Every structure is written in structure tokens, then in C-alpha cells.
Amino acid sequence: MLAEFLEKLGQDTELLAAYKKDPRGVMKKHGVADDEIEAIMTKDEKKLEKISKTSSSGLKMLYIATGEEL
């Protein structure tokens, strides 16, 4: 579910704006698993790769899209 969410986040400016205001809530609403949310919020690339099969490049793209620092 995380990969689909990341893809949609990169294409939907309204979703991105909502994510910037409430990242946890938006991820939860879009079916991202709690452990994936926690890994994203804590920027734990190794944990995220392990639990979601999303490469660290996917996580980096999330930070680029949202303007967050790595």
C-alpha cells in the first residue's frame, strides 16, 4: 500500500498539501500500515526497506516531494 500511496502523493497536489499538514493522518487514511508510518516519520530507511519492500530511494522521493530534509 505504501508504494501506491507514494505514487499518488507525487501526482496529486491536493493530497500533497494535506500530507504536509497531517502526514500521519493522511497516510493512515490511505491505508499505509502503522509500522510503515512510524518508519517514515522517524526517517528510518532500513526499517522501511525491511517492512515495506520500498527502497530507500522511494523514501528519499517522499522527502523531496514534501520538502523535508533527510
N, C-alpha and C. Protein backbone atom coordinates (compact mmCIF):
# COMPACT_ATOMS: atom_id res chain seq x y z
N MET A 1 0.82 -1.20 0.00
CA MET A 1 0.00 0.00 0.00
C MET A 1 0.86 1.25 0.00
N LEU A 2 2.04 1.20 0.62
CA LEU A 2 2.90 2.37 0.70
C LEU A 2 3.34 2.83 -0.69
N ALA A 3 3.74 1.91 -1.53
CA ALA A 3 4.20 2.29 -2.87
C ALA A 3 3.10 3.00 -3.64
N GLU A 4 1.88 2.52 -3.53
CA GLU A 4 0.76 3.16 -4.21
C GLU A 4 0.52 4.56 -3.66
N PHE A 5 0.63 4.68 -2.34
CA PHE A 5 0.45 5.98 -1.71
C PHE A 5 1.53 6.96 -2.18
N LEU A 6 2.77 6.53 -2.21
CA LEU A 6 3.86 7.40 -2.65
C LEU A 6 3.67 7.85 -4.09
N GLU A 7 3.21 6.93 -4.92
CA GLU A 7 2.96 7.27 -6.32
C GLU A 7 1.86 8.33 -6.42
N LYS A 8 0.79 8.11 -5.70
CA LYS A 8 -0.33 9.06 -5.72
C LYS A 8 0.09 10.41 -5.15
N LEU A 9 0.90 10.38 -4.11
CA LEU A 9 1.37 11.61 -3.48
C LEU A 9 2.17 12.47 -4.47
N GLY A 10 2.94 11.81 -5.32
CA GLY A 10 3.72 12.52 -6.31
C GLY A 10 2.91 13.09 -7.45
N GLN A 11 1.65 12.66 -7.58
CA GLN A 11 0.81 13.09 -8.70
C GLN A 11 -0.33 14.01 -8.29
N ASP A 12 -0.66 14.03 -7.03
CA ASP A 12 -1.86 14.72 -6.56
C ASP A 12 -1.47 15.89 -5.64
N THR A 13 -1.57 17.11 -6.14
CA THR A 13 -1.14 18.27 -5.36
C THR A 13 -2.02 18.50 -4.12
N GLU A 14 -3.29 18.17 -4.21
CA GLU A 14 -4.16 18.32 -3.04
C GLU A 14 -3.79 17.32 -1.95
N LEU A 15 -3.47 16.10 -2.36
CA LEU A 15 -3.03 15.09 -1.40
C LEU A 15 -1.72 15.52 -0.75
N LEU A 16 -0.81 16.05 -1.54
CA LEU A 16 0.47 16.51 -1.01
C LEU A 16 0.26 17.64 0.00
N ALA A 17 -0.61 18.56 -0.30
CA ALA A 17 -0.90 19.65 0.64
C ALA A 17 -1.47 19.11 1.94
N ALA A 18 -2.38 18.16 1.84
CA ALA A 18 -2.96 17.54 3.04
C ALA A 18 -1.89 16.78 3.82
N TYR A 19 -1.02 16.08 3.09
CA TYR A 19 0.07 15.33 3.74
C TYR A 19 0.98 16.26 4.53
N LYS A 20 1.29 17.41 3.95
CA LYS A 20 2.18 18.36 4.63
C LYS A 20 1.56 18.87 5.94
N LYS A 21 0.23 18.94 5.99
CA LYS A 21 -0.45 19.39 7.20
C LYS A 21 -0.60 18.29 8.24
N ASP A 22 -0.84 17.07 7.77
CA ASP A 22 -1.10 15.95 8.69
C ASP A 22 -0.59 14.65 8.08
N PRO A 23 0.73 14.45 8.06
CA PRO A 23 1.26 13.27 7.38
C PRO A 23 0.74 11.94 7.95
N ARG A 24 0.72 11.83 9.25
CA ARG A 24 0.24 10.57 9.85
C ARG A 24 -1.21 10.29 9.47
N GLY A 25 -2.05 11.30 9.62
CA GLY A 25 -3.46 11.13 9.33
C GLY A 25 -3.72 10.78 7.88
N VAL A 26 -3.01 11.45 6.98
CA VAL A 26 -3.21 11.19 5.55
C VAL A 26 -2.72 9.79 5.19
N MET A 27 -1.57 9.40 5.71
CA MET A 27 -1.08 8.04 5.42
C MET A 27 -2.04 6.99 5.96
N LYS A 28 -2.52 7.20 7.17
CA LYS A 28 -3.47 6.26 7.79
C LYS A 28 -4.74 6.15 6.95
N LYS A 29 -5.25 7.31 6.52
CA LYS A 29 -6.47 7.34 5.72
C LYS A 29 -6.29 6.59 4.39
N HIS A 30 -5.07 6.57 3.87
CA HIS A 30 -4.81 5.92 2.60
C HIS A 30 -4.26 4.50 2.75
N GLY A 31 -4.40 3.94 3.94
CA GLY A 31 -4.10 2.52 4.13
C GLY A 31 -2.65 2.16 4.36
N VAL A 32 -1.81 3.16 4.64
CA VAL A 32 -0.41 2.85 4.94
C VAL A 32 -0.36 2.22 6.33
N ALA A 33 0.38 1.14 6.46
CA ALA A 33 0.46 0.40 7.73
C ALA A 33 1.14 1.23 8.81
N ASP A 34 0.74 0.98 10.05
CA ASP A 34 1.29 1.73 11.19
C ASP A 34 2.81 1.66 11.25
N ASP A 35 3.38 0.48 11.02
CA ASP A 35 4.83 0.36 11.11
C ASP A 35 5.53 1.12 9.98
N GLU A 36 4.89 1.21 8.82
CA GLU A 36 5.44 1.99 7.71
C GLU A 36 5.35 3.49 8.03
N ILE A 37 4.24 3.90 8.60
CA ILE A 37 4.07 5.30 9.01
C ILE A 37 5.16 5.67 10.00
N GLU A 38 5.36 4.83 10.99
CA GLU A 38 6.37 5.12 12.01
C GLU A 38 7.76 5.20 11.39
N ALA A 39 8.07 4.30 10.47
CA ALA A 39 9.37 4.32 9.82
C ALA A 39 9.56 5.60 9.01
N ILE A 40 8.51 6.05 8.35
CA ILE A 40 8.59 7.29 7.59
C ILE A 40 8.75 8.48 8.53
N MET A 41 7.96 8.52 9.57
CA MET A 41 8.00 9.67 10.47
C MET A 41 9.34 9.77 11.21
N THR A 42 9.97 8.64 11.46
CA THR A 42 11.27 8.66 12.14
C THR A 42 12.43 8.62 11.16
N LYS A 43 12.10 8.59 9.86
CA LYS A 43 13.11 8.56 8.78
C LYS A 43 14.06 7.37 8.93
N ASP A 44 13.49 6.24 9.31
CA ASP A 44 14.26 5.00 9.49
C ASP A 44 14.26 4.21 8.18
N GLU A 45 15.24 4.51 7.33
CA GLU A 45 15.29 3.91 5.99
C GLU A 45 15.43 2.40 6.04
N LYS A 46 16.26 1.89 6.92
CA LYS A 46 16.48 0.43 6.99
C LYS A 46 15.20 -0.29 7.40
N LYS A 47 14.51 0.24 8.38
CA LYS A 47 13.26 -0.38 8.82
C LYS A 47 12.22 -0.33 7.71
N LEU A 48 12.14 0.80 7.05
CA LEU A 48 11.16 0.95 5.98
C LEU A 48 11.42 -0.04 4.85
N GLU A 49 12.67 -0.18 4.46
CA GLU A 49 13.01 -1.15 3.41
C GLU A 49 12.62 -2.56 3.82
N LYS A 50 12.89 -2.88 5.08
CA LYS A 50 12.62 -4.23 5.58
C LYS A 50 11.12 -4.54 5.64
N ILE A 51 10.32 -3.61 6.11
CA ILE A 51 8.91 -3.91 6.33
C ILE A 51 8.04 -3.68 5.10
N SER A 52 8.48 -2.84 4.19
CA SER A 52 7.58 -2.48 3.10
C SER A 52 8.09 -2.84 1.72
N LYS A 53 9.31 -3.31 1.65
CA LYS A 53 9.94 -3.62 0.36
C LYS A 53 10.00 -2.37 -0.52
N THR A 54 10.01 -1.20 0.11
CA THR A 54 10.20 0.06 -0.59
C THR A 54 11.66 0.44 -0.43
N SER A 55 12.32 0.73 -1.52
CA SER A 55 13.73 1.08 -1.45
C SER A 55 13.90 2.44 -0.78
N SER A 56 15.10 2.70 -0.31
CA SER A 56 15.38 3.98 0.32
C SER A 56 15.18 5.10 -0.69
N SER A 57 15.31 4.81 -1.98
CA SER A 57 15.07 5.85 -2.98
C SER A 57 13.62 6.29 -2.95
N GLY A 58 12.70 5.38 -2.65
CA GLY A 58 11.29 5.74 -2.50
C GLY A 58 11.09 6.69 -1.34
N LEU A 59 11.78 6.42 -0.24
CA LEU A 59 11.70 7.29 0.92
C LEU A 59 12.31 8.65 0.60
N LYS A 60 13.42 8.65 -0.10
CA LYS A 60 14.05 9.92 -0.48
C LYS A 60 13.13 10.73 -1.39
N MET A 61 12.42 10.05 -2.29
CA MET A 61 11.48 10.76 -3.15
C MET A 61 10.37 11.40 -2.33
N LEU A 62 9.94 10.73 -1.26
CA LEU A 62 8.92 11.30 -0.39
C LEU A 62 9.43 12.59 0.22
N TYR A 63 10.66 12.58 0.70
CA TYR A 63 11.22 13.78 1.32
C TYR A 63 11.41 14.89 0.30
N ILE A 64 11.80 14.55 -0.90
CA ILE A 64 11.94 15.55 -1.97
C ILE A 64 10.58 16.16 -2.29
N ALA A 65 9.57 15.32 -2.43
CA ALA A 65 8.23 15.78 -2.78
C ALA A 65 7.65 16.70 -1.71
N THR A 66 7.96 16.41 -0.45
CA THR A 66 7.38 17.18 0.64
C THR A 66 8.26 18.31 1.11
N GLY A 67 9.49 18.36 0.60
CA GLY A 67 10.41 19.41 1.02
C GLY A 67 11.05 19.18 2.37
N GLU A 68 10.94 17.95 2.88
CA GLU A 68 11.55 17.63 4.16
C GLU A 68 13.03 17.33 3.98
N GLU A 69 13.78 17.50 5.04
CA GLU A 69 15.19 17.14 4.99
C GLU A 69 15.35 15.68 5.34
N LEU A 70 16.36 15.05 4.75
CA LEU A 70 16.65 13.64 5.04
C LEU A 70 17.32 13.52 6.37
